[in-house]
Structure formats: structure tokens, C-alpha cells
Protein backbone atom coordinates (compact mmCIF):
# COMPACT_ATOMS: atom_id res chain seq x y z
CA UNK A 1 291.84 111.29 157.99
CA UNK A 2 292.34 114.22 160.39
CA UNK A 3 296.12 113.85 160.12
CA UNK A 4 295.91 114.06 156.33
CA UNK A 5 293.72 117.17 156.54
CA UNK A 6 296.14 118.78 159.02
CA UNK A 7 299.07 117.92 156.75
CA UNK A 8 297.34 119.45 153.73
CA UNK A 9 296.46 122.60 155.70
CA UNK A 10 299.99 122.91 157.01
CA UNK A 11 301.42 122.48 153.52
CA UNK A 12 299.07 125.14 152.17
CA UNK A 13 299.99 127.55 154.97
CA UNK A 14 303.72 127.03 154.43
CA UNK A 15 303.44 127.50 150.66
CA UNK A 16 301.28 130.61 151.02
CA UNK A 17 303.60 132.09 153.61
CA UNK A 18 306.80 131.60 151.65
CA UNK A 19 305.29 132.51 148.28
CA UNK A 20 305.78 136.25 148.88
CA UNK A 21 309.37 135.97 150.10
CA UNK A 22 311.08 135.84 146.66
CA UNK A 23 309.20 138.95 145.46
CA UNK A 24 309.93 140.86 148.67
CA UNK A 25 313.60 139.90 148.49
CA UNK A 26 313.79 140.97 144.84
CA UNK A 27 312.33 144.37 145.73
CA UNK A 28 314.89 144.75 148.52
CA UNK A 29 317.77 143.55 146.36
CA UNK A 30 316.99 145.50 143.18
CA UNK A 31 314.80 148.37 144.35
CA UNK A 32 312.63 147.75 141.27
CA UNK A 33 308.84 147.50 141.36
CA UNK A 34 307.84 148.69 137.88
CA UNK A 35 306.45 145.29 136.85
CA UNK A 36 304.40 144.78 140.03
CA UNK A 37 300.68 145.48 139.87
CA UNK A 38 299.74 147.76 142.76
CA UNK A 39 296.06 146.96 142.26
CA UNK A 40 296.72 143.23 142.50
CA UNK A 41 298.73 143.64 145.69
CA UNK A 42 296.10 145.98 147.17
CA UNK A 43 293.51 143.24 146.70
CA UNK A 44 295.91 140.67 148.12
CA UNK A 45 296.59 142.81 151.20
CA UNK A 46 292.85 143.27 151.74
CA UNK A 47 292.28 139.52 151.39
CA UNK A 48 294.96 138.66 153.95
CA UNK A 49 293.63 141.29 156.35
CA UNK A 50 290.19 139.71 156.04
CA UNK A 51 291.63 136.19 156.58
CA UNK A 52 293.42 137.38 159.72
CA UNK A 53 290.21 138.96 160.99
CA UNK A 54 288.23 135.81 160.19
CA UNK A 55 290.82 133.68 161.97
CA UNK A 56 290.70 135.93 165.03
CA UNK A 57 286.91 135.65 165.23
CA UNK A 58 287.20 131.86 164.97
CA UNK A 59 290.24 131.67 167.30
CA UNK A 60 291.99 129.72 164.57
CA UNK A 61 295.59 130.60 165.42
CA UNK A 62 297.30 128.70 162.59
CA UNK A 63 295.07 130.59 160.14
CA UNK A 64 295.86 133.87 161.88
CA UNK A 65 299.61 133.21 162.01
CA UNK A 66 300.15 132.17 158.42
CA UNK A 67 297.93 134.90 157.01
CA UNK A 68 299.49 137.56 159.25
CA UNK A 69 302.90 136.73 157.81
CA UNK A 70 301.47 136.87 154.28
CA UNK A 71 299.81 140.18 155.14
CA UNK A 72 303.10 141.68 156.32
CA UNK A 73 305.03 140.51 153.26
CA UNK A 74 302.38 141.54 150.74
CA UNK A 75 301.88 144.90 152.49
CA UNK A 76 305.64 145.48 152.30
CA UNK A 77 305.60 144.76 148.56
CA UNK A 78 302.59 147.05 148.04
CA UNK A 79 304.19 149.81 150.12
CA UNK A 80 307.40 149.58 148.12
CA UNK A 81 305.43 149.57 144.86
CA UNK A 82 303.72 152.81 145.85
CA UNK A 83 306.82 154.38 147.45
CA UNK A 84 308.88 156.98 145.63
CA UNK A 85 311.86 155.58 143.75
CA UNK A 86 314.25 157.30 146.16
CA UNK A 87 312.91 155.26 149.09
CA UNK A 88 313.34 151.99 147.19
CA UNK A 89 316.87 152.88 146.15
CA UNK A 90 317.74 153.86 149.74
CA UNK A 91 316.48 150.50 150.98
CA UNK A 92 318.53 148.76 148.33
CA UNK A 93 321.66 150.62 149.46
CA UNK A 94 321.03 149.84 153.14
CA UNK A 95 320.04 146.20 152.93
CA UNK A 96 320.60 144.87 149.43
């Protein structure tokens, strides 16, 4: 049973971690964020920060690692959503 639980947890962590990658890549590639809800991403960033903190208190390193990656990606998306258009376009020219 423990192996099944570990497999489910690992699958959830992988899915959560990679779920923000397509949106982050789209922001980099297009420089567009007009359809992204800043409020939604602000809540998401707060949630991941709390999960990381919770994981640190519990010394649950898989929880910390996966949520830290999600925190970084969602914070990037939020930052780009709030950034002036010139910054987004400059990033698009540099990377995209």
C-alpha cells in the first residue's frame, strides 16, 4: 500500500510541477499576459509559499521541492502579468 501511496504522491507532484510550464513558456514566447488573472496567480503564489513553509516545518523535502518549483513558475507568471508591456516584449526578444 505504501508504494501505491508514494506513486500517487509522486504523480501528483510531477503533474503540479509541470502544469505551470506551458503558461510560463507562452508568456516568454509571446510576451502576452492580457488573459491571465493576476488575482488568481497571486492566490496561487501565496498557496505555494504556504506549502513550501509547511513542508519545511515538517521536513518533507519532496513536498518542499515540488512546491518550490511551482512557486517559482507561478511567481514568474504573476510577475510578468504585472510587469509593464515593455518588459514582456524585451523578454520575448531576448529569449522567445
